[in-house]
Amino acid sequence: MAASILPATFLAIGQRLPKAIRIVALLLTIAFAAMAFGSFYPLIPPEAGYVEAIINYTSVLCLALGLAFVWISSLMAKRASRHQPLFFRLSKIVVRKTPKAHTDLTGY
């Protein structure tokens, strides 16, 4: 599964997106790449067992940091929207326009 998500997160790093989204994409790309490399554990010699630990800790740490950053960013966005002036919050509400009254004066 990690290998299927990897291209999307990798492409998001270089796009013109807010910096927070690109940082999360970078962290998740590292995490998913480490998970994909975990498939090759049988190829690692037993003497280099520390490499498995590095891959495991890298994937868990980057995934946890990336998801925590998404959560913190959402909390900050909610807080920022609550502190907007009333005019800006009301301007987002779509108001249905009523039809104008008929102003033809030919009946007089």
N, C-alpha and C. Protein backbone atom coordinates (compact mmCIF):
# COMPACT_ATOMS: atom_id res chain seq x y z
N MET A 1 0.82 -1.18 0.00
CA MET A 1 0.00 0.00 0.00
C MET A 1 0.88 1.26 0.00
N ALA A 2 1.95 1.24 0.73
CA ALA A 2 2.81 2.42 0.82
C ALA A 2 3.40 2.77 -0.54
N ALA A 3 3.71 1.76 -1.34
CA ALA A 3 4.28 2.02 -2.66
C ALA A 3 3.26 2.66 -3.60
N SER A 4 1.98 2.41 -3.38
CA SER A 4 0.96 3.00 -4.25
C SER A 4 0.70 4.47 -3.92
N ILE A 5 0.91 4.86 -2.69
CA ILE A 5 0.70 6.26 -2.27
C ILE A 5 1.94 7.11 -2.53
N LEU A 6 3.07 6.47 -2.63
CA LEU A 6 4.35 7.17 -2.76
C LEU A 6 4.40 8.15 -3.94
N PRO A 7 3.96 7.81 -5.15
CA PRO A 7 4.04 8.79 -6.25
C PRO A 7 3.23 10.07 -6.00
N ALA A 8 2.06 9.93 -5.41
CA ALA A 8 1.23 11.12 -5.15
C ALA A 8 1.86 12.04 -4.13
N THR A 9 2.41 11.48 -3.07
CA THR A 9 3.03 12.34 -2.07
C THR A 9 4.33 12.95 -2.60
N PHE A 10 5.03 12.21 -3.43
CA PHE A 10 6.27 12.74 -4.01
C PHE A 10 5.98 13.91 -4.94
N LEU A 11 4.92 13.81 -5.74
CA LEU A 11 4.57 14.91 -6.65
C LEU A 11 4.06 16.14 -5.89
N ALA A 12 3.44 15.92 -4.75
CA ALA A 12 2.92 17.05 -3.97
C ALA A 12 4.04 17.91 -3.39
N ILE A 13 5.22 17.35 -3.23
CA ILE A 13 6.34 18.12 -2.68
C ILE A 13 6.72 19.28 -3.58
N GLY A 14 6.71 19.05 -4.89
CA GLY A 14 7.18 20.07 -5.82
C GLY A 14 6.12 20.99 -6.36
N GLN A 15 4.86 20.78 -6.01
CA GLN A 15 3.80 21.62 -6.54
C GLN A 15 3.70 22.94 -5.78
N ARG A 16 2.98 23.87 -6.39
CA ARG A 16 2.78 25.18 -5.76
C ARG A 16 1.63 25.07 -4.76
N LEU A 17 1.94 24.53 -3.61
CA LEU A 17 0.99 24.36 -2.53
C LEU A 17 1.51 25.11 -1.31
N PRO A 18 0.67 25.31 -0.31
CA PRO A 18 1.17 25.95 0.91
C PRO A 18 2.32 25.14 1.51
N LYS A 19 3.19 25.85 2.21
CA LYS A 19 4.39 25.22 2.76
C LYS A 19 4.05 24.07 3.71
N ALA A 20 3.00 24.22 4.49
CA ALA A 20 2.62 23.16 5.44
C ALA A 20 2.28 21.87 4.71
N ILE A 21 1.58 21.97 3.61
CA ILE A 21 1.20 20.78 2.85
C ILE A 21 2.43 20.12 2.24
N ARG A 22 3.36 20.94 1.76
CA ARG A 22 4.58 20.37 1.17
C ARG A 22 5.45 19.69 2.24
N ILE A 23 5.48 20.24 3.45
CA ILE A 23 6.24 19.61 4.54
C ILE A 23 5.62 18.27 4.91
N VAL A 24 4.29 18.24 5.01
CA VAL A 24 3.60 16.98 5.31
C VAL A 24 3.85 15.98 4.20
N ALA A 25 3.80 16.43 2.95
CA ALA A 25 4.05 15.52 1.82
C ALA A 25 5.46 14.96 1.87
N LEU A 26 6.42 15.78 2.26
CA LEU A 26 7.80 15.30 2.38
C LEU A 26 7.92 14.24 3.47
N LEU A 27 7.34 14.51 4.63
CA LEU A 27 7.40 13.55 5.73
C LEU A 27 6.71 12.23 5.36
N LEU A 28 5.55 12.33 4.73
CA LEU A 28 4.84 11.12 4.34
C LEU A 28 5.56 10.37 3.22
N THR A 29 6.22 11.09 2.32
CA THR A 29 7.00 10.43 1.27
C THR A 29 8.14 9.63 1.87
N ILE A 30 8.83 10.22 2.83
CA ILE A 30 9.92 9.50 3.50
C ILE A 30 9.38 8.26 4.22
N ALA A 31 8.25 8.42 4.89
CA ALA A 31 7.65 7.30 5.62
C ALA A 31 7.24 6.18 4.67
N PHE A 32 6.58 6.52 3.58
CA PHE A 32 6.12 5.50 2.65
C PHE A 32 7.28 4.85 1.91
N ALA A 33 8.33 5.62 1.62
CA ALA A 33 9.51 5.02 1.00
C ALA A 33 10.19 4.04 1.94
N ALA A 34 10.26 4.39 3.22
CA ALA A 34 10.86 3.48 4.20
C ALA A 34 10.02 2.21 4.35
N MET A 35 8.70 2.36 4.30
CA MET A 35 7.84 1.18 4.36
C MET A 35 8.04 0.29 3.14
N ALA A 36 8.19 0.90 1.98
CA ALA A 36 8.42 0.12 0.76
C ALA A 36 9.77 -0.60 0.83
N PHE A 37 10.78 0.08 1.35
CA PHE A 37 12.10 -0.57 1.50
C PHE A 37 12.05 -1.71 2.52
N GLY A 38 11.09 -1.67 3.42
CA GLY A 38 10.93 -2.74 4.39
C GLY A 38 10.60 -4.08 3.74
N SER A 39 10.13 -4.05 2.51
CA SER A 39 9.84 -5.30 1.79
C SER A 39 11.11 -6.07 1.48
N PHE A 40 12.23 -5.39 1.48
CA PHE A 40 13.50 -6.02 1.11
C PHE A 40 14.30 -6.49 2.32
N TYR A 41 13.64 -6.67 3.48
CA TYR A 41 14.34 -7.16 4.67
C TYR A 41 15.05 -8.50 4.44
N PRO A 42 14.48 -9.42 3.69
CA PRO A 42 15.18 -10.70 3.49
C PRO A 42 16.53 -10.56 2.77
N LEU A 43 16.71 -9.46 2.05
CA LEU A 43 17.96 -9.25 1.32
C LEU A 43 19.06 -8.64 2.19
N ILE A 44 18.70 -8.17 3.37
CA ILE A 44 19.67 -7.54 4.26
C ILE A 44 20.40 -8.64 5.03
N PRO A 45 21.73 -8.63 5.00
CA PRO A 45 22.46 -9.67 5.75
C PRO A 45 22.25 -9.52 7.26
N PRO A 46 22.33 -10.62 7.98
CA PRO A 46 22.09 -10.57 9.44
C PRO A 46 23.08 -9.66 10.18
N GLU A 47 24.27 -9.49 9.64
CA GLU A 47 25.26 -8.63 10.30
C GLU A 47 24.84 -7.17 10.28
N ALA A 48 24.00 -6.81 9.32
CA ALA A 48 23.55 -5.41 9.18
C ALA A 48 22.12 -5.27 9.69
N GLY A 49 21.85 -5.88 10.81
CA GLY A 49 20.51 -5.83 11.39
C GLY A 49 20.09 -4.43 11.82
N TYR A 50 21.05 -3.59 12.07
CA TYR A 50 20.73 -2.21 12.47
C TYR A 50 20.03 -1.45 11.36
N VAL A 51 20.22 -1.88 10.10
CA VAL A 51 19.56 -1.21 8.97
C VAL A 51 18.05 -1.40 9.06
N GLU A 52 17.61 -2.57 9.50
CA GLU A 52 16.18 -2.81 9.68
C GLU A 52 15.61 -1.86 10.73
N ALA A 53 16.34 -1.66 11.80
CA ALA A 53 15.87 -0.75 12.86
C ALA A 53 15.79 0.68 12.34
N ILE A 54 16.78 1.08 11.55
CA ILE A 54 16.77 2.44 10.98
C ILE A 54 15.56 2.62 10.07
N ILE A 55 15.29 1.63 9.23
CA ILE A 55 14.14 1.72 8.31
C ILE A 55 12.84 1.77 9.12
N ASN A 56 12.71 0.91 10.11
CA ASN A 56 11.49 0.89 10.92
C ASN A 56 11.26 2.20 11.65
N TYR A 57 12.28 2.68 12.33
CA TYR A 57 12.12 3.91 13.10
C TYR A 57 11.91 5.13 12.20
N THR A 58 12.55 5.13 11.04
CA THR A 58 12.34 6.24 10.10
C THR A 58 10.90 6.27 9.62
N SER A 59 10.37 5.13 9.25
CA SER A 59 8.99 5.11 8.75
C SER A 59 7.99 5.50 9.82
N VAL A 60 8.16 4.97 11.02
CA VAL A 60 7.21 5.29 12.10
C VAL A 60 7.32 6.75 12.51
N LEU A 61 8.54 7.24 12.65
CA LEU A 61 8.73 8.63 13.08
C LEU A 61 8.19 9.61 12.04
N CYS A 62 8.50 9.41 10.78
CA CYS A 62 8.02 10.34 9.74
C CYS A 62 6.52 10.26 9.56
N LEU A 63 5.95 9.07 9.65
CA LEU A 63 4.50 8.94 9.53
C LEU A 63 3.80 9.63 10.70
N ALA A 64 4.30 9.42 11.91
CA ALA A 64 3.69 10.05 13.08
C ALA A 64 3.82 11.57 13.03
N LEU A 65 4.99 12.06 12.65
CA LEU A 65 5.18 13.52 12.54
C LEU A 65 4.30 14.12 11.45
N GLY A 66 4.21 13.44 10.31
CA GLY A 66 3.39 13.95 9.21
C GLY A 66 1.93 14.02 9.60
N LEU A 67 1.40 12.97 10.21
CA LEU A 67 0.00 12.97 10.61
C LEU A 67 -0.26 13.95 11.75
N ALA A 68 0.69 14.09 12.65
CA ALA A 68 0.54 15.08 13.73
C ALA A 68 0.54 16.50 13.16
N PHE A 69 1.37 16.73 12.16
CA PHE A 69 1.41 18.06 11.53
C PHE A 69 0.10 18.37 10.81
N VAL A 70 -0.52 17.36 10.20
CA VAL A 70 -1.83 17.55 9.57
C VAL A 70 -2.86 17.91 10.64
N TRP A 71 -2.83 17.22 11.75
CA TRP A 71 -3.79 17.48 12.83
C TRP A 71 -3.60 18.87 13.42
N ILE A 72 -2.36 19.25 13.69
CA ILE A 72 -2.08 20.58 14.25
C ILE A 72 -2.47 21.67 13.27
N SER A 73 -2.20 21.45 11.98
CA SER A 73 -2.57 22.45 10.97
C SER A 73 -4.08 22.63 10.90
N SER A 74 -4.82 21.52 11.03
CA SER A 74 -6.28 21.65 10.99
C SER A 74 -6.79 22.41 12.21
N LEU A 75 -6.18 22.18 13.37
CA LEU A 75 -6.58 22.93 14.56
C LEU A 75 -6.27 24.41 14.40
N MET A 76 -5.13 24.72 13.83
CA MET A 76 -4.77 26.13 13.63
C MET A 76 -5.70 26.79 12.61
N ALA A 77 -6.10 26.05 11.58
CA ALA A 77 -7.01 26.62 10.58
C ALA A 77 -8.39 26.88 11.19
N LYS A 78 -8.87 25.98 12.04
CA LYS A 78 -10.15 26.20 12.71
C LYS A 78 -10.09 27.41 13.62
N ARG A 79 -8.98 27.54 14.34
CA ARG A 79 -8.83 28.67 15.25
C ARG A 79 -8.76 29.98 14.48
N ALA A 80 -8.05 29.98 13.36
CA ALA A 80 -7.94 31.20 12.56
C ALA A 80 -9.29 31.59 11.98
N SER A 81 -10.11 30.61 11.61
CA SER A 81 -11.41 30.94 11.05
C SER A 81 -12.36 31.49 12.12
N ARG A 82 -12.18 31.08 13.37
CA ARG A 82 -13.02 31.61 14.45
C ARG A 82 -12.66 33.06 14.77
N HIS A 83 -11.43 33.46 14.52
CA HIS A 83 -10.99 34.80 14.87
C HIS A 83 -11.12 35.79 13.72
N GLN A 84 -11.76 35.38 12.63
CA GLN A 84 -11.98 36.31 11.53
C GLN A 84 -13.11 37.26 11.92
N PRO A 85 -13.07 38.48 11.40
CA PRO A 85 -14.17 39.40 11.67
C PRO A 85 -15.49 38.84 11.15
N LEU A 86 -16.58 39.28 11.75
CA LEU A 86 -17.90 38.79 11.39
C LEU A 86 -18.20 39.03 9.92
N PHE A 87 -17.76 40.15 9.37
CA PHE A 87 -18.02 40.45 7.96
C PHE A 87 -17.47 39.37 7.04
N PHE A 88 -16.26 38.90 7.30
CA PHE A 88 -15.65 37.89 6.44
C PHE A 88 -16.37 36.55 6.57
N ARG A 89 -16.83 36.21 7.76
CA ARG A 89 -17.55 34.95 7.92
C ARG A 89 -18.91 35.02 7.24
N LEU A 90 -19.58 36.18 7.33
CA LEU A 90 -20.89 36.31 6.69
C LEU A 90 -20.77 36.43 5.17
N SER A 91 -19.65 36.94 4.69
CA SER A 91 -19.50 37.08 3.24
C SER A 91 -19.39 35.73 2.55
N LYS A 92 -19.09 34.69 3.29
CA LYS A 92 -19.00 33.36 2.70
C LYS A 92 -20.36 32.70 2.57
N ILE A 93 -21.37 33.25 3.23
CA ILE A 93 -22.71 32.70 3.16
C ILE A 93 -23.34 33.15 1.85
N VAL A 94 -23.88 32.21 1.14
CA VAL A 94 -24.53 32.53 -0.14
C VAL A 94 -25.95 32.99 0.16
N VAL A 95 -26.27 34.18 -0.29
CA VAL A 95 -27.58 34.75 -0.06
C VAL A 95 -28.37 34.64 -1.36
N ARG A 96 -29.57 34.09 -1.26
CA ARG A 96 -30.41 33.97 -2.45
C ARG A 96 -30.98 35.33 -2.80
N LYS A 97 -30.82 35.72 -4.04
CA LYS A 97 -31.33 37.02 -4.48
C LYS A 97 -32.82 36.90 -4.80
N THR A 98 -33.57 37.90 -4.34
CA THR A 98 -35.00 37.92 -4.66
C THR A 98 -35.19 38.67 -5.96
N PRO A 99 -36.19 38.31 -6.74
CA PRO A 99 -36.41 39.02 -8.01
C PRO A 99 -36.83 40.47 -7.74
N LYS A 100 -36.40 41.36 -8.60
CA LYS A 100 -36.75 42.77 -8.44
C LYS A 100 -38.21 43.00 -8.81
N ALA A 101 -38.78 44.00 -8.15
CA ALA A 101 -40.17 44.35 -8.43
C ALA A 101 -40.28 44.92 -9.84
N HIS A 102 -41.43 44.72 -10.45
CA HIS A 102 -41.64 45.24 -11.80
C HIS A 102 -41.78 46.76 -11.74
N THR A 103 -40.95 47.46 -12.46
CA THR A 103 -40.95 48.93 -12.38
C THR A 103 -41.39 49.57 -13.67
N ASP A 104 -42.18 48.88 -14.48
CA ASP A 104 -42.66 49.44 -15.73
C ASP A 104 -43.78 50.44 -15.44
N LEU A 105 -43.62 51.66 -15.89
CA LEU A 105 -44.60 52.72 -15.59
C LEU A 105 -45.53 52.99 -16.77
N THR A 106 -45.68 52.04 -17.68
CA THR A 106 -46.53 52.26 -18.85
C THR A 106 -48.00 52.19 -18.52
N GLY A 107 -48.37 51.64 -17.37
CA GLY A 107 -49.77 51.50 -17.00
C GLY A 107 -50.39 52.80 -16.52
N TYR A 108 -49.65 53.85 -16.32
CA TYR A 108 -50.20 55.13 -15.81
C TYR A 108 -50.72 55.96 -16.89
